[in-house]
Amino acid sequence: MRKCIIDNILYTDMAKHFAFMADLKALPSKEDFDPANKHKPDIMKALVHAADVGNPARPYDLCKLWALKILSEFFS
């Protein structure tokens, strides 16, 4: 479980974004997709990455609040 969590967090690194997006685009179509088996780690990484980079899509007041919280955490 720990390794899974660490892998998911490491894939939020924007340096890996474009390579990861290419990997996601290479996943099979929904007819051949197997989320319970080998694609589960990719789905988990994609969800964590989307949550990580999705803040700017929120309403401005909420986005600003979370951005300030993140900055506070980074500078602590």
C-alpha atoms as a PDB file:
ATOM      1  CA  MET A   1       0.000   0.000   0.000  1.00  0.00           C
ATOM      2  CA  ARG A   2       2.834   2.385   0.886  1.00  0.00           C
ATOM      3  CA  LYS A   3       4.528   1.802  -2.487  1.00  0.00           C
ATOM      4  CA  CYS A   4       1.235   2.436  -4.278  1.00  0.00           C
ATOM      5  CA  ILE A   5       0.732   5.751  -2.444  1.00  0.00           C
ATOM      6  CA  ILE A   6       4.299   6.872  -3.141  1.00  0.00           C
ATOM      7  CA  ASP A   7       3.992   5.966  -6.844  1.00  0.00           C
ATOM      8  CA  ASN A   8       0.751   7.923  -7.120  1.00  0.00           C
ATOM      9  CA  ILE A   9       2.272  10.988  -5.483  1.00  0.00           C
ATOM     10  CA  LEU A  10       5.405  10.837  -7.635  1.00  0.00           C
ATOM     11  CA  TYR A  11       3.244  10.898 -10.761  1.00  0.00           C
ATOM     12  CA  THR A  12       1.932  14.337  -9.789  1.00  0.00           C
ATOM     13  CA  ASP A  13       5.354  15.696 -10.819  1.00  0.00           C
ATOM     14  CA  MET A  14       4.758  17.924 -13.841  1.00  0.00           C
ATOM     15  CA  ALA A  15       8.103  16.810 -15.303  1.00  0.00           C
ATOM     16  CA  LYS A  16       6.402  13.459 -15.958  1.00  0.00           C
ATOM     17  CA  HIS A  17       3.103  14.946 -17.166  1.00  0.00           C
ATOM     18  CA  PHE A  18       3.491  14.586 -20.933  1.00  0.00           C
ATOM     19  CA  ALA A  19       4.991  11.100 -20.783  1.00  0.00           C
ATOM     20  CA  PHE A  20       2.208  10.019 -18.443  1.00  0.00           C
ATOM     21  CA  MET A  21      -0.448  11.537 -20.712  1.00  0.00           C
ATOM     22  CA  ALA A  22       1.008   9.595 -23.640  1.00  0.00           C
ATOM     23  CA  ASP A  23       0.815   6.410 -21.546  1.00  0.00           C
ATOM     24  CA  LEU A  24      -2.812   7.148 -20.718  1.00  0.00           C
ATOM     25  CA  LYS A  25      -3.678   7.727 -24.370  1.00  0.00           C
ATOM     26  CA  ALA A  26      -2.106   4.353 -25.191  1.00  0.00           C
ATOM     27  CA  LEU A  27      -4.494   2.506 -22.867  1.00  0.00           C
ATOM     28  CA  PRO A  28      -6.910   0.195 -24.662  1.00  0.00           C
ATOM     29  CA  SER A  29     -10.421   1.201 -25.634  1.00  0.00           C
ATOM     30  CA  LYS A  30     -13.203   0.744 -23.119  1.00  0.00           C
ATOM     31  CA  GLU A  31     -14.169  -2.623 -24.663  1.00  0.00           C
ATOM     32  CA  ASP A  32     -10.732  -4.068 -23.836  1.00  0.00           C
ATOM     33  CA  PHE A  33     -10.179  -2.086 -20.671  1.00  0.00           C
ATOM     34  CA  ASP A  34      -9.625  -4.038 -17.442  1.00  0.00           C
ATOM     35  CA  PRO A  35      -9.739  -1.642 -14.463  1.00  0.00           C
ATOM     36  CA  ALA A  36      -9.649  -4.484 -11.932  1.00  0.00           C
ATOM     37  CA  ASN A  37      -6.380  -5.839 -13.222  1.00  0.00           C
ATOM     38  CA  LYS A  38      -3.341  -4.295 -14.896  1.00  0.00           C
ATOM     39  CA  HIS A  39      -4.837  -0.832 -15.556  1.00  0.00           C
ATOM     40  CA  LYS A  40      -5.767  -0.104 -11.955  1.00  0.00           C
ATOM     41  CA  PRO A  41      -2.411   1.580 -11.074  1.00  0.00           C
ATOM     42  CA  ASP A  42      -2.709   3.841 -14.130  1.00  0.00           C
ATOM     43  CA  ILE A  43      -6.243   4.850 -13.171  1.00  0.00           C
ATOM     44  CA  MET A  44      -5.182   5.644  -9.602  1.00  0.00           C
ATOM     45  CA  LYS A  45      -2.233   7.736 -10.825  1.00  0.00           C
ATOM     46  CA  ALA A  46      -4.491   9.604 -13.247  1.00  0.00           C
ATOM     47  CA  LEU A  47      -7.032  10.401 -10.519  1.00  0.00           C
ATOM     48  CA  VAL A  48      -4.394  11.703  -8.101  1.00  0.00           C
ATOM     49  CA  HIS A  49      -2.756  13.726 -10.885  1.00  0.00           C
ATOM     50  CA  ALA A  50      -6.104  15.226 -11.924  1.00  0.00           C
ATOM     51  CA  ALA A  51      -6.842  16.179  -8.324  1.00  0.00           C
ATOM     52  CA  ASP A  52      -3.395  17.732  -8.035  1.00  0.00           C
ATOM     53  CA  VAL A  53      -3.579  19.905 -11.153  1.00  0.00           C
ATOM     54  CA  GLY A  54      -7.331  20.531 -11.063  1.00  0.00           C
ATOM     55  CA  ASN A  55      -7.384  23.399  -8.569  1.00  0.00           C
ATOM     56  CA  PRO A  56      -7.426  26.160 -11.242  1.00  0.00           C
ATOM     57  CA  ALA A  57     -10.665  24.690 -12.625  1.00  0.00           C
ATOM     58  CA  ARG A  58     -12.481  25.499  -9.375  1.00  0.00           C
ATOM     59  CA  PRO A  59     -14.298  28.787  -8.753  1.00  0.00           C
ATOM     60  CA  TYR A  60     -11.776  31.587  -8.202  1.00  0.00           C
ATOM     61  CA  ASP A  61     -12.434  32.120  -4.479  1.00  0.00           C
ATOM     62  CA  LEU A  62     -11.992  28.417  -3.733  1.00  0.00           C
ATOM     63  CA  CYS A  63      -8.962  28.142  -6.021  1.00  0.00           C
ATOM     64  CA  LYS A  64      -7.302  31.112  -4.314  1.00  0.00           C
ATOM     65  CA  LEU A  65      -7.998  29.681  -0.850  1.00  0.00           C
ATOM     66  CA  TRP A  66      -6.407  26.339  -1.713  1.00  0.00           C
ATOM     67  CA  ALA A  67      -3.486  27.969  -3.523  1.00  0.00           C
ATOM     68  CA  LEU A  68      -2.695  30.012  -0.417  1.00  0.00           C
ATOM     69  CA  LYS A  69      -2.905  26.873   1.738  1.00  0.00           C
ATOM     70  CA  ILE A  70      -0.477  25.078  -0.589  1.00  0.00           C
ATOM     71  CA  LEU A  71       1.937  28.022  -0.557  1.00  0.00           C
ATOM     72  CA  SER A  72       1.781  28.075   3.234  1.00  0.00           C
ATOM     73  CA  GLU A  73       2.589  24.367   3.336  1.00  0.00           C
ATOM     74  CA  PHE A  74       5.499  24.754   0.890  1.00  0.00           C
ATOM     75  CA  PHE A  75       7.069  27.549   2.915  1.00  0.00           C
ATOM     76  CA  SER A  76       6.629  25.812   6.289  1.00  0.00           C
END
